[in-house]
Amino acid sequence: MSKTQAFFNDYLPGKLSANPDLAGKVDQIFQFEIEGAGSFSVDLTVGEGSVTAGTHDSPDCTISCTEAVFEQTL
């Protein structure tokens, strides 16, 4: 599993579970289009938030980059 996939599959969901108030404070949907790793959506509009593989129908913000660039931010 790449660092990017581990971030969306393990790290970020764990952080959201550990900080259930965060989603309500942000109240946005983020779409990540990571060339070489896939698409992921982070929905911070309901409950403690969710992270899913794939696209969201109406994200508030879309972030597109290569996997190499994304992993430089981790």
PDB file of N, CA and C in Angstrom:
ATOM      1  N   MET A   1       0.853  -1.177   0.000  1.00  0.00           N
ATOM      2  CA  MET A   1       0.000   0.000   0.000  1.00  0.00           C
ATOM      3  C   MET A   1       0.900   1.242   0.000  1.00  0.00           C
ATOM      4  N   SER A   2       0.576   2.193  -0.860  1.00  0.00           N
ATOM      5  CA  SER A   2       1.375   3.417  -0.933  1.00  0.00           C
ATOM      6  C   SER A   2       1.106   4.313   0.274  1.00  0.00           C
ATOM      7  N   LYS A   3       1.965   5.286   0.483  1.00  0.00           N
ATOM      8  CA  LYS A   3       1.772   6.246   1.578  1.00  0.00           C
ATOM      9  C   LYS A   3       0.457   6.999   1.403  1.00  0.00           C
ATOM     10  N   THR A   4       0.113   7.318   0.160  1.00  0.00           N
ATOM     11  CA  THR A   4      -1.136   8.036  -0.111  1.00  0.00           C
ATOM     12  C   THR A   4      -2.337   7.182   0.268  1.00  0.00           C
ATOM     13  N   GLN A   5      -2.349   5.940  -0.162  1.00  0.00           N
ATOM     14  CA  GLN A   5      -3.459   5.053   0.173  1.00  0.00           C
ATOM     15  C   GLN A   5      -3.545   4.813   1.676  1.00  0.00           C
ATOM     16  N   ALA A   6      -2.417   4.656   2.339  1.00  0.00           N
ATOM     17  CA  ALA A   6      -2.415   4.479   3.792  1.00  0.00           C
ATOM     18  C   ALA A   6      -2.968   5.718   4.489  1.00  0.00           C
ATOM     19  N   PHE A   7      -2.674   6.895   3.954  1.00  0.00           N
ATOM     20  CA  PHE A   7      -3.190   8.137   4.530  1.00  0.00           C
ATOM     21  C   PHE A   7      -4.719   8.143   4.500  1.00  0.00           C
ATOM     22  N   PHE A   8      -5.305   7.822   3.342  1.00  0.00           N
ATOM     23  CA  PHE A   8      -6.763   7.872   3.205  1.00  0.00           C
ATOM     24  C   PHE A   8      -7.465   6.659   3.812  1.00  0.00           C
ATOM     25  N   ASN A   9      -6.824   5.508   3.822  1.00  0.00           N
ATOM     26  CA  ASN A   9      -7.464   4.295   4.340  1.00  0.00           C
ATOM     27  C   ASN A   9      -7.307   4.115   5.842  1.00  0.00           C
ATOM     28  N   ASP A  10      -6.210   4.588   6.415  1.00  0.00           N
ATOM     29  CA  ASP A  10      -5.922   4.335   7.827  1.00  0.00           C
ATOM     30  C   ASP A  10      -5.767   5.613   8.655  1.00  0.00           C
ATOM     31  N   TYR A  11      -4.818   6.456   8.264  1.00  0.00           N
ATOM     32  CA  TYR A  11      -4.457   7.614   9.082  1.00  0.00           C
ATOM     33  C   TYR A  11      -5.614   8.606   9.239  1.00  0.00           C
ATOM     34  N   LEU A  12      -6.170   9.084   8.130  1.00  0.00           N
ATOM     35  CA  LEU A  12      -7.211  10.108   8.215  1.00  0.00           C
ATOM     36  C   LEU A  12      -8.487   9.606   8.905  1.00  0.00           C
ATOM     37  N   PRO A  13      -8.985   8.410   8.592  1.00  0.00           N
ATOM     38  CA  PRO A  13     -10.148   7.917   9.342  1.00  0.00           C
ATOM     39  C   PRO A  13      -9.873   7.805  10.845  1.00  0.00           C
ATOM     40  N   GLY A  14      -8.670   7.415  11.213  1.00  0.00           N
ATOM     41  CA  GLY A  14      -8.312   7.342  12.628  1.00  0.00           C
ATOM     42  C   GLY A  14      -8.323   8.698  13.298  1.00  0.00           C
ATOM     43  N   LYS A  15      -7.813   9.703  12.593  1.00  0.00           N
ATOM     44  CA  LYS A  15      -7.813  11.066  13.140  1.00  0.00           C
ATOM     45  C   LYS A  15      -9.237  11.584  13.303  1.00  0.00           C
ATOM     46  N   LEU A  16     -10.104  11.302  12.342  1.00  0.00           N
ATOM     47  CA  LEU A  16     -11.495  11.746  12.448  1.00  0.00           C
ATOM     48  C   LEU A  16     -12.200  11.059  13.611  1.00  0.00           C
ATOM     49  N   SER A  17     -11.950   9.775  13.799  1.00  0.00           N
ATOM     50  CA  SER A  17     -12.556   9.050  14.924  1.00  0.00           C
ATOM     51  C   SER A  17     -12.069   9.590  16.259  1.00  0.00           C
ATOM     52  N   ALA A  18     -10.806   9.960  16.320  1.00  0.00           N
ATOM     53  CA  ALA A  18     -10.225  10.477  17.561  1.00  0.00           C
ATOM     54  C   ALA A  18     -10.658  11.912  17.851  1.00  0.00           C
ATOM     55  N   ASN A  19     -11.147  12.619  16.825  1.00  0.00           N
ATOM     56  CA  ASN A  19     -11.569  14.017  16.976  1.00  0.00           C
ATOM     57  C   ASN A  19     -12.961  14.201  16.378  1.00  0.00           C
ATOM     58  N   PRO A  20     -13.994  13.637  17.005  1.00  0.00           N
ATOM     59  CA  PRO A  20     -15.334  13.649  16.410  1.00  0.00           C
ATOM     60  C   PRO A  20     -15.933  15.042  16.221  1.00  0.00           C
ATOM     61  N   ASP A  21     -15.444  16.051  16.913  1.00  0.00           N
ATOM     62  CA  ASP A  21     -15.966  17.418  16.761  1.00  0.00           C
ATOM     63  C   ASP A  21     -15.448  18.105  15.506  1.00  0.00           C
ATOM     64  N   LEU A  22     -14.370  17.610  14.942  1.00  0.00           N
ATOM     65  CA  LEU A  22     -13.720  18.273  13.818  1.00  0.00           C
ATOM     66  C   LEU A  22     -14.631  18.422  12.608  1.00  0.00           C
ATOM     67  N   ALA A  23     -15.340  17.374  12.241  1.00  0.00           N
ATOM     68  CA  ALA A  23     -16.177  17.418  11.040  1.00  0.00           C
ATOM     69  C   ALA A  23     -17.198  18.548  11.118  1.00  0.00           C
ATOM     70  N   GLY A  24     -17.864  18.694  12.232  1.00  0.00           N
ATOM     71  CA  GLY A  24     -18.866  19.748  12.385  1.00  0.00           C
ATOM     72  C   GLY A  24     -18.286  21.144  12.295  1.00  0.00           C
ATOM     73  N   LYS A  25     -17.043  21.298  12.688  1.00  0.00           N
ATOM     74  CA  LYS A  25     -16.386  22.607  12.621  1.00  0.00           C
ATOM     75  C   LYS A  25     -15.987  22.963  11.192  1.00  0.00           C
ATOM     76  N   VAL A  26     -15.626  21.963  10.398  1.00  0.00           N
ATOM     77  CA  VAL A  26     -15.182  22.205   9.021  1.00  0.00           C
ATOM     78  C   VAL A  26     -16.385  22.273   8.079  1.00  0.00           C
ATOM     79  N   ASP A  27     -17.288  21.310   8.166  1.00  0.00           N
ATOM     80  CA  ASP A  27     -18.548  21.284   7.412  1.00  0.00           C
ATOM     81  C   ASP A  27     -18.355  21.467   5.903  1.00  0.00           C
ATOM     82  N   GLN A  28     -17.430  20.730   5.320  1.00  0.00           N
ATOM     83  CA  GLN A  28     -17.138  20.795   3.884  1.00  0.00           C
ATOM     84  C   GLN A  28     -16.866  19.387   3.357  1.00  0.00           C
ATOM     85  N   ILE A  29     -16.948  19.240   2.036  1.00  0.00           N
ATOM     86  CA  ILE A  29     -16.619  17.982   1.372  1.00  0.00           C
ATOM     87  C   ILE A  29     -15.424  18.234   0.463  1.00  0.00           C
ATOM     88  N   PHE A  30     -14.377  17.451   0.652  1.00  0.00           N
ATOM     89  CA  PHE A  30     -13.146  17.593  -0.122  1.00  0.00           C
ATOM     90  C   PHE A  30     -12.983  16.393  -1.049  1.00  0.00           C
ATOM     91  N   GLN A  31     -12.661  16.667  -2.294  1.00  0.00           N
ATOM     92  CA  GLN A  31     -12.390  15.626  -3.284  1.00  0.00           C
ATOM     93  C   GLN A  31     -10.912  15.678  -3.625  1.00  0.00           C
ATOM     94  N   PHE A  32     -10.239  14.554  -3.515  1.00  0.00           N
ATOM     95  CA  PHE A  32      -8.823  14.458  -3.865  1.00  0.00           C
ATOM     96  C   PHE A  32      -8.691  13.598  -5.115  1.00  0.00           C
ATOM     97  N   GLU A  33      -8.116  14.159  -6.161  1.00  0.00           N
ATOM     98  CA  GLU A  33      -7.832  13.439  -7.405  1.00  0.00           C
ATOM     99  C   GLU A  33      -6.314  13.271  -7.460  1.00  0.00           C
ATOM    100  N   ILE A  34      -5.834  12.114  -7.067  1.00  0.00           N
ATOM    101  CA  ILE A  34      -4.399  11.874  -6.955  1.00  0.00           C
ATOM    102  C   ILE A  34      -3.956  10.976  -8.113  1.00  0.00           C
ATOM    103  N   GLU A  35      -3.324  11.578  -9.110  1.00  0.00           N
ATOM    104  CA  GLU A  35      -2.864  10.818 -10.273  1.00  0.00           C
ATOM    105  C   GLU A  35      -1.848   9.770  -9.829  1.00  0.00           C
ATOM    106  N   GLY A  36      -2.147   8.519 -10.112  1.00  0.00           N
ATOM    107  CA  GLY A  36      -1.272   7.426  -9.720  1.00  0.00           C
ATOM    108  C   GLY A  36      -1.748   6.697  -8.476  1.00  0.00           C
ATOM    109  N   ALA A  37      -2.714   7.282  -7.743  1.00  0.00           N
ATOM    110  CA  ALA A  37      -3.210   6.642  -6.523  1.00  0.00           C
ATOM    111  C   ALA A  37      -4.730   6.514  -6.499  1.00  0.00           C
ATOM    112  N   GLY A  38      -5.436   7.328  -7.275  1.00  0.00           N
ATOM    113  CA  GLY A  38      -6.892   7.245  -7.311  1.00  0.00           C
ATOM    114  C   GLY A  38      -7.575   8.480  -6.769  1.00  0.00           C
ATOM    115  N   SER A  39      -8.882   8.350  -6.600  1.00  0.00           N
ATOM    116  CA  SER A  39      -9.722   9.439  -6.100  1.00  0.00           C
ATOM    117  C   SER A  39     -10.238   9.086  -4.714  1.00  0.00           C
ATOM    118  N   PHE A  40     -10.321  10.097  -3.860  1.00  0.00           N
ATOM    119  CA  PHE A  40     -10.804   9.914  -2.498  1.00  0.00           C
ATOM    120  C   PHE A  40     -11.661  11.115  -2.129  1.00  0.00           C
ATOM    121  N   SER A  41     -12.732  10.882  -1.380  1.00  0.00           N
ATOM    122  CA  SER A  41     -13.532  12.000  -0.895  1.00  0.00           C
ATOM    123  C   SER A  41     -13.542  11.984   0.631  1.00  0.00           C
ATOM    124  N   VAL A  42     -13.482  13.179   1.181  1.00  0.00           N
ATOM    125  CA  VAL A  42     -13.511  13.364   2.627  1.00  0.00           C
ATOM    126  C   VAL A  42     -14.731  14.223   2.925  1.00  0.00           C
ATOM    127  N   ASP A  43     -15.752  13.603   3.512  1.00  0.00           N
ATOM    128  CA  ASP A  43     -17.015  14.285   3.793  1.00  0.00           C
ATOM    129  C   ASP A  43     -17.042  14.689   5.262  1.00  0.00           C
ATOM    130  N   LEU A  44     -16.926  15.968   5.503  1.00  0.00           N
ATOM    131  CA  LEU A  44     -16.927  16.491   6.871  1.00  0.00           C
ATOM    132  C   LEU A  44     -18.221  17.241   7.155  1.00  0.00           C
ATOM    133  N   THR A  45     -19.326  16.808   6.524  1.00  0.00           N
ATOM    134  CA  THR A  45     -20.615  17.476   6.718  1.00  0.00           C
ATOM    135  C   THR A  45     -21.549  16.700   7.633  1.00  0.00           C
ATOM    136  N   VAL A  46     -21.250  15.441   7.913  1.00  0.00           N
ATOM    137  CA  VAL A  46     -22.143  14.625   8.737  1.00  0.00           C
ATOM    138  C   VAL A  46     -21.358  13.837   9.779  1.00  0.00           C
ATOM    139  N   GLY A  47     -21.947  13.670  10.938  1.00  0.00           N
ATOM    140  CA  GLY A  47     -21.340  12.859  11.991  1.00  0.00           C
ATOM    141  C   GLY A  47     -19.904  13.231  12.270  1.00  0.00           C
ATOM    142  N   GLU A  48     -19.069  12.207  12.417  1.00  0.00           N
ATOM    143  CA  GLU A  48     -17.641  12.458  12.665  1.00  0.00           C
ATOM    144  C   GLU A  48     -16.858  12.533  11.364  1.00  0.00           C
ATOM    145  N   GLY A  49     -17.566  12.505  10.235  1.00  0.00           N
ATOM    146  CA  GLY A  49     -16.916  12.588   8.937  1.00  0.00           C
ATOM    147  C   GLY A  49     -16.618  11.211   8.383  1.00  0.00           C
ATOM    148  N   SER A  50     -16.346  11.170   7.086  1.00  0.00           N
ATOM    149  CA  SER A  50     -16.032   9.890   6.454  1.00  0.00           C
ATOM    150  C   SER A  50     -15.020  10.091   5.341  1.00  0.00           C
ATOM    151  N   VAL A  51     -14.271   9.046   5.084  1.00  0.00           N
ATOM    152  CA  VAL A  51     -13.287   9.030   4.004  1.00  0.00           C
ATOM    153  C   VAL A  51     -13.623   7.825   3.134  1.00  0.00           C
ATOM    154  N   THR A  52     -13.831   8.066   1.837  1.00  0.00           N
ATOM    155  CA  THR A  52     -14.167   6.969   0.943  1.00  0.00           C
ATOM    156  C   THR A  52     -13.333   7.039  -0.329  1.00  0.00           C
ATOM    157  N   ALA A  53     -13.049   5.879  -0.879  1.00  0.00           N
ATOM    158  CA  ALA A  53     -12.395   5.823  -2.183  1.00  0.00           C
ATOM    159  C   ALA A  53     -13.442   6.168  -3.228  1.00  0.00           C
ATOM    160  N   GLY A  54     -13.034   6.898  -4.250  1.00  0.00           N
ATOM    161  CA  GLY A  54     -13.959   7.285  -5.299  1.00  0.00           C
ATOM    162  C   GLY A  54     -14.306   8.756  -5.223  1.00  0.00           C
ATOM    163  N   THR A  55     -15.221   9.154  -6.083  1.00  0.00           N
ATOM    164  CA  THR A  55     -15.570  10.571  -6.183  1.00  0.00           C
ATOM    165  C   THR A  55     -16.877  10.876  -5.469  1.00  0.00           C
ATOM    166  N   HIS A  56     -17.064  12.134  -5.135  1.00  0.00           N
ATOM    167  CA  HIS A  56     -18.296  12.634  -4.531  1.00  0.00           C
ATOM    168  C   HIS A  56     -19.031  13.445  -5.590  1.00  0.00           C
ATOM    169  N   ASP A  57     -20.357  13.401  -5.566  1.00  0.00           N
ATOM    170  CA  ASP A  57     -21.147  14.107  -6.579  1.00  0.00           C
ATOM    171  C   ASP A  57     -21.017  15.623  -6.520  1.00  0.00           C
ATOM    172  N   SER A  58     -20.862  16.178  -5.328  1.00  0.00           N
ATOM    173  CA  SER A  58     -20.823  17.643  -5.220  1.00  0.00           C
ATOM    174  C   SER A  58     -19.854  18.110  -4.131  1.00  0.00           C
ATOM    175  N   PRO A  59     -18.559  17.946  -4.365  1.00  0.00           N
ATOM    176  CA  PRO A  59     -17.579  18.408  -3.366  1.00  0.00           C
ATOM    177  C   PRO A  59     -17.521  19.935  -3.308  1.00  0.00           C
ATOM    178  N   ASP A  60     -17.150  20.459  -2.153  1.00  0.00           N
ATOM    179  CA  ASP A  60     -16.946  21.903  -1.999  1.00  0.00           C
ATOM    180  C   ASP A  60     -15.582  22.318  -2.520  1.00  0.00           C
ATOM    181  N   CYS A  61     -14.645  21.396  -2.504  1.00  0.00           N
ATOM    182  CA  CYS A  61     -13.270  21.687  -2.913  1.00  0.00           C
ATOM    183  C   CYS A  61     -12.680  20.444  -3.568  1.00  0.00           C
ATOM    184  N   THR A  62     -12.019  20.635  -4.708  1.00  0.00           N
ATOM    185  CA  THR A  62     -11.340  19.530  -5.379  1.00  0.00           C
ATOM    186  C   THR A  62      -9.852  19.833  -5.459  1.00  0.00           C
ATOM    187  N   ILE A  63      -9.060  18.884  -5.026  1.00  0.00           N
ATOM    188  CA  ILE A  63      -7.605  19.021  -5.037  1.00  0.00           C
ATOM    189  C   ILE A  63      -7.054  17.964  -5.987  1.00  0.00           C
ATOM    190  N   SER A  64      -6.286  18.405  -6.982  1.00  0.00           N
ATOM    191  CA  SER A  64      -5.712  17.495  -7.972  1.00  0.00           C
ATOM    192  C   SER A  64      -4.200  17.632  -7.990  1.00  0.00           C
ATOM    193  N   CYS A  65      -3.513  16.495  -7.971  1.00  0.00           N
ATOM    194  CA  CYS A  65      -2.054  16.505  -8.065  1.00  0.00           C
ATOM    195  C   CYS A  65      -1.573  15.088  -8.340  1.00  0.00           C
ATOM    196  N   THR A  66      -0.288  14.949  -8.544  1.00  0.00           N
ATOM    197  CA  THR A  66       0.288  13.615  -8.707  1.00  0.00           C
ATOM    198  C   THR A  66       0.520  12.995  -7.329  1.00  0.00           C
ATOM    199  N   GLU A  67       0.687  11.705  -7.320  1.00  0.00           N
ATOM    200  CA  GLU A  67       0.969  11.018  -6.060  1.00  0.00           C
ATOM    201  C   GLU A  67       2.289  11.501  -5.462  1.00  0.00           C
ATOM    202  N   ALA A  68       3.278  11.750  -6.302  1.00  0.00           N
ATOM    203  CA  ALA A  68       4.579  12.218  -5.801  1.00  0.00           C
ATOM    204  C   ALA A  68       4.442  13.561  -5.096  1.00  0.00           C
ATOM    205  N   VAL A  69       3.675  14.465  -5.668  1.00  0.00           N
ATOM    206  CA  VAL A  69       3.478  15.780  -5.045  1.00  0.00           C
ATOM    207  C   VAL A  69       2.688  15.635  -3.748  1.00  0.00           C
ATOM    208  N   PHE A  70       1.622  14.823  -3.762  1.00  0.00           N
ATOM    209  CA  PHE A  70       0.821  14.644  -2.554  1.00  0.00           C
ATOM    210  C   PHE A  70       1.664  14.076  -1.423  1.00  0.00           C
ATOM    211  N   GLU A  71       2.505  13.103  -1.731  1.00  0.00           N
ATOM    212  CA  GLU A  71       3.310  12.475  -0.684  1.00  0.00           C
ATOM    213  C   GLU A  71       4.362  13.421  -0.116  1.00  0.00           C
ATOM    214  N   GLN A  72       4.714  14.459  -0.845  1.00  0.00           N
ATOM    215  CA  GLN A  72       5.623  15.473  -0.293  1.00  0.00           C
ATOM    216  C   GLN A  72       4.937  16.276   0.806  1.00  0.00           C
ATOM    217  N   THR A  73       3.607  16.328   0.794  1.00  0.00           N
ATOM    218  CA  THR A  73       2.876  17.079   1.814  1.00  0.00           C
ATOM    219  C   THR A  73       2.627  16.261   3.075  1.00  0.00           C
ATOM    220  N   LEU A  74       2.831  14.944   2.997  1.00  0.00           N
ATOM    221  CA  LEU A  74       2.558  14.091   4.161  1.00  0.00           C
ATOM    222  C   LEU A  74       3.666  14.159   5.185  1.00  0.00           C
TER     223      LEU A  74
END
